[in-house]
C-alpha atoms as a PDB file:
ATOM      1  CA  MET A   1      -1.410 -76.866  30.130  1.00  0.00           C
ATOM      2  CA  GLN A   2      -0.972 -76.241  26.781  1.00  0.00           C
ATOM      3  CA  LEU A   3       2.957 -75.813  25.742  1.00  0.00           C
ATOM      4  CA  VAL A   4       3.948 -73.130  24.313  1.00  0.00           C
ATOM      5  CA  ASN A   5       6.658 -73.246  21.283  1.00  0.00           C
ATOM      6  CA  PRO A   6       9.662 -70.811  21.415  1.00  0.00           C
ATOM      7  CA  MET A   7       9.788 -69.857  17.778  1.00  0.00           C
ATOM      8  CA  ASP A   8       6.121 -68.903  17.465  1.00  0.00           C
ATOM      9  CA  TYR A   9       6.602 -65.213  18.063  1.00  0.00           C
ATOM     10  CA  SER A  10       5.928 -61.658  17.597  1.00  0.00           C
ATOM     11  CA  MET A  11       8.693 -59.061  17.311  1.00  0.00           C
ATOM     12  CA  GLU A  12       8.513 -55.156  17.983  1.00  0.00           C
ATOM     13  CA  VAL A  13      10.215 -52.074  17.375  1.00  0.00           C
ATOM     14  CA  GLU A  14       9.264 -48.640  19.338  1.00  0.00           C
ATOM     15  CA  GLN A  15      11.568 -45.846  20.291  1.00  0.00           C
ATOM     16  CA  GLN A  16      15.222 -47.685  19.700  1.00  0.00           C
ATOM     17  CA  THR A  17      14.163 -51.023  21.489  1.00  0.00           C
ATOM     18  CA  ILE A  18      13.109 -54.440  20.110  1.00  0.00           C
ATOM     19  CA  TRP A  19      10.906 -56.681  22.334  1.00  0.00           C
ATOM     20  CA  ILE A  20      10.844 -60.266  21.246  1.00  0.00           C
ATOM     21  CA  LYS A  21       7.302 -61.821  22.489  1.00  0.00           C
ATOM     22  CA  ASN A  22       5.422 -65.045  22.789  1.00  0.00           C
ATOM     23  CA  GLN A  23       1.682 -64.931  24.003  1.00  0.00           C
ATOM     24  CA  ASN A  24       3.587 -65.833  27.188  1.00  0.00           C
ATOM     25  CA  THR A  25       6.061 -63.045  28.265  1.00  0.00           C
ATOM     26  CA  THR A  26       9.117 -60.982  26.579  1.00  0.00           C
ATOM     27  CA  ILE A  27      11.846 -63.410  25.082  1.00  0.00           C
ATOM     28  CA  ALA A  28      14.349 -61.080  24.823  1.00  0.00           C
ATOM     29  CA  TYR A  29      14.859 -57.083  24.134  1.00  0.00           C
ATOM     30  CA  CYS A  30      17.646 -54.966  22.772  1.00  0.00           C
ATOM     31  CA  ARG A  31      18.337 -51.113  22.902  1.00  0.00           C
ATOM     32  CA  TYR A  32      19.985 -49.694  19.977  1.00  0.00           C
ATOM     33  CA  SER A  33      21.093 -45.636  18.546  1.00  0.00           C
ATOM     34  CA  ASN A  34      20.815 -44.821  15.010  1.00  0.00           C
ATOM     35  CA  ASP A  35      24.200 -45.583  14.457  1.00  0.00           C
ATOM     36  CA  GLY A  36      24.206 -49.832  15.231  1.00  0.00           C
ATOM     37  CA  ASP A  37      25.393 -49.682  17.902  1.00  0.00           C
ATOM     38  CA  ILE A  38      23.405 -52.078  21.343  1.00  0.00           C
ATOM     39  CA  GLU A  39      22.777 -50.539  24.095  1.00  0.00           C
ATOM     40  CA  TYR A  40      21.813 -52.892  26.022  1.00  0.00           C
ATOM     41  CA  ILE A  41      20.721 -57.064  25.065  1.00  0.00           C
ATOM     42  CA  TYR A  42      18.996 -59.310  27.330  1.00  0.00           C
ATOM     43  CA  VAL A  43      17.563 -63.040  26.409  1.00  0.00           C
ATOM     44  CA  GLN A  44      15.819 -64.663  28.970  1.00  0.00           C
ATOM     45  CA  PRO A  45      17.674 -67.795  30.393  1.00  0.00           C
ATOM     46  CA  MET A  46      15.644 -69.952  29.566  1.00  0.00           C
ATOM     47  CA  TYR A  47      15.425 -68.882  25.760  1.00  0.00           C
ATOM     48  CA  ARG A  48      19.157 -68.722  25.336  1.00  0.00           C
ATOM     49  CA  LEU A  49      21.534 -69.980  22.359  1.00  0.00           C
ATOM     50  CA  MET A  50      17.896 -70.725  20.487  1.00  0.00           C
ATOM     51  CA  GLY A  51      19.042 -68.137  18.174  1.00  0.00           C
ATOM     52  CA  PHE A  52      16.960 -65.017  20.051  1.00  0.00           C
ATOM     53  CA  GLY A  53      19.996 -62.803  20.014  1.00  0.00           C
ATOM     54  CA  ARG A  54      20.946 -63.328  16.643  1.00  0.00           C
ATOM     55  CA  LYS A  55      17.660 -62.089  15.574  1.00  0.00           C
ATOM     56  CA  LEU A  56      18.202 -58.475  17.777  1.00  0.00           C
ATOM     57  CA  VAL A  57      20.784 -58.066  15.673  1.00  0.00           C
ATOM     58  CA  GLU A  58      19.917 -59.222  13.329  1.00  0.00           C
ATOM     59  CA  GLU A  59      17.395 -56.415  13.256  1.00  0.00           C
ATOM     60  CA  VAL A  60      19.448 -53.959  14.382  1.00  0.00           C
ATOM     61  CA  GLN A  61      21.430 -54.231  11.172  1.00  0.00           C
ATOM     62  CA  ARG A  62      18.710 -54.253   9.230  1.00  0.00           C
ATOM     63  CA  ILE A  63      16.465 -50.752  10.740  1.00  0.00           C
ATOM     64  CA  THR A  64      20.216 -48.955  10.617  1.00  0.00           C
ATOM     65  CA  GLY A  65      21.878 -50.322   7.596  1.00  0.00           C
ATOM     66  CA  LYS A  66      24.971 -50.956  10.804  1.00  0.00           C
ATOM     67  CA  VAL A  67      25.762 -52.780  13.358  1.00  0.00           C
ATOM     68  CA  GLY A  68      28.199 -50.620  15.897  1.00  0.00           C
ATOM     69  CA  LEU A  69      29.859 -51.938  18.980  1.00  0.00           C
ATOM     70  CA  PRO A  70      28.287 -53.128  21.807  1.00  0.00           C
ATOM     71  CA  HIS A  71      28.006 -50.123  24.926  1.00  0.00           C
ATOM     72  CA  GLU A  72      30.565 -51.482  27.953  1.00  0.00           C
ATOM     73  CA  PRO A  73      29.632 -52.810  30.835  1.00  0.00           C
ATOM     74  CA  VAL A  74      29.468 -56.045  28.427  1.00  0.00           C
ATOM     75  CA  SER A  75      29.047 -59.440  30.735  1.00  0.00           C
ATOM     76  CA  PRO A  76      31.428 -61.956  30.763  1.00  0.00           C
ATOM     77  CA  MET A  77      28.266 -63.790  28.007  1.00  0.00           C
ATOM     78  CA  GLY A  78      27.922 -61.707  26.312  1.00  0.00           C
ATOM     79  CA  GLN A  79      31.179 -60.751  25.483  1.00  0.00           C
ATOM     80  CA  ARG A  80      30.674 -63.912  24.247  1.00  0.00           C
ATOM     81  CA  PHE A  81      28.099 -63.956  21.987  1.00  0.00           C
ATOM     82  CA  PHE A  82      29.564 -60.653  20.290  1.00  0.00           C
ATOM     83  CA  ALA A  83      32.400 -63.092  20.140  1.00  0.00           C
ATOM     84  CA  ALA A  84      30.779 -65.896  18.016  1.00  0.00           C
ATOM     85  CA  LEU A  85      29.071 -63.177  16.191  1.00  0.00           C
ATOM     86  CA  GLU A  86      32.331 -61.816  14.649  1.00  0.00           C
ATOM     87  CA  LYS A  87      33.308 -65.245  14.164  1.00  0.00           C
ATOM     88  CA  TYR A  88      30.825 -66.520  12.220  1.00  0.00           C
ATOM     89  CA  SER A  89      29.390 -63.541  10.674  1.00  0.00           C
END
């Protein structure tokens, strides 16, 4: 069995959704609005804490020119993620 490097991925953007994929699976995805609000963001558990969530938010910022607020409800993990983004940005 050949191991897949999680850093060998592609990013696709279509209809206000961003997908990060490798050859085997969707690693993460994000829905956003034109004003930069994050409507939904998800990273597969085995790929968390590897920077994919940040990459999604950075791509939203690149596309819209800003990053708005996350839409409710925000999970406890999502709250920690957005707090860390704010702290280290």
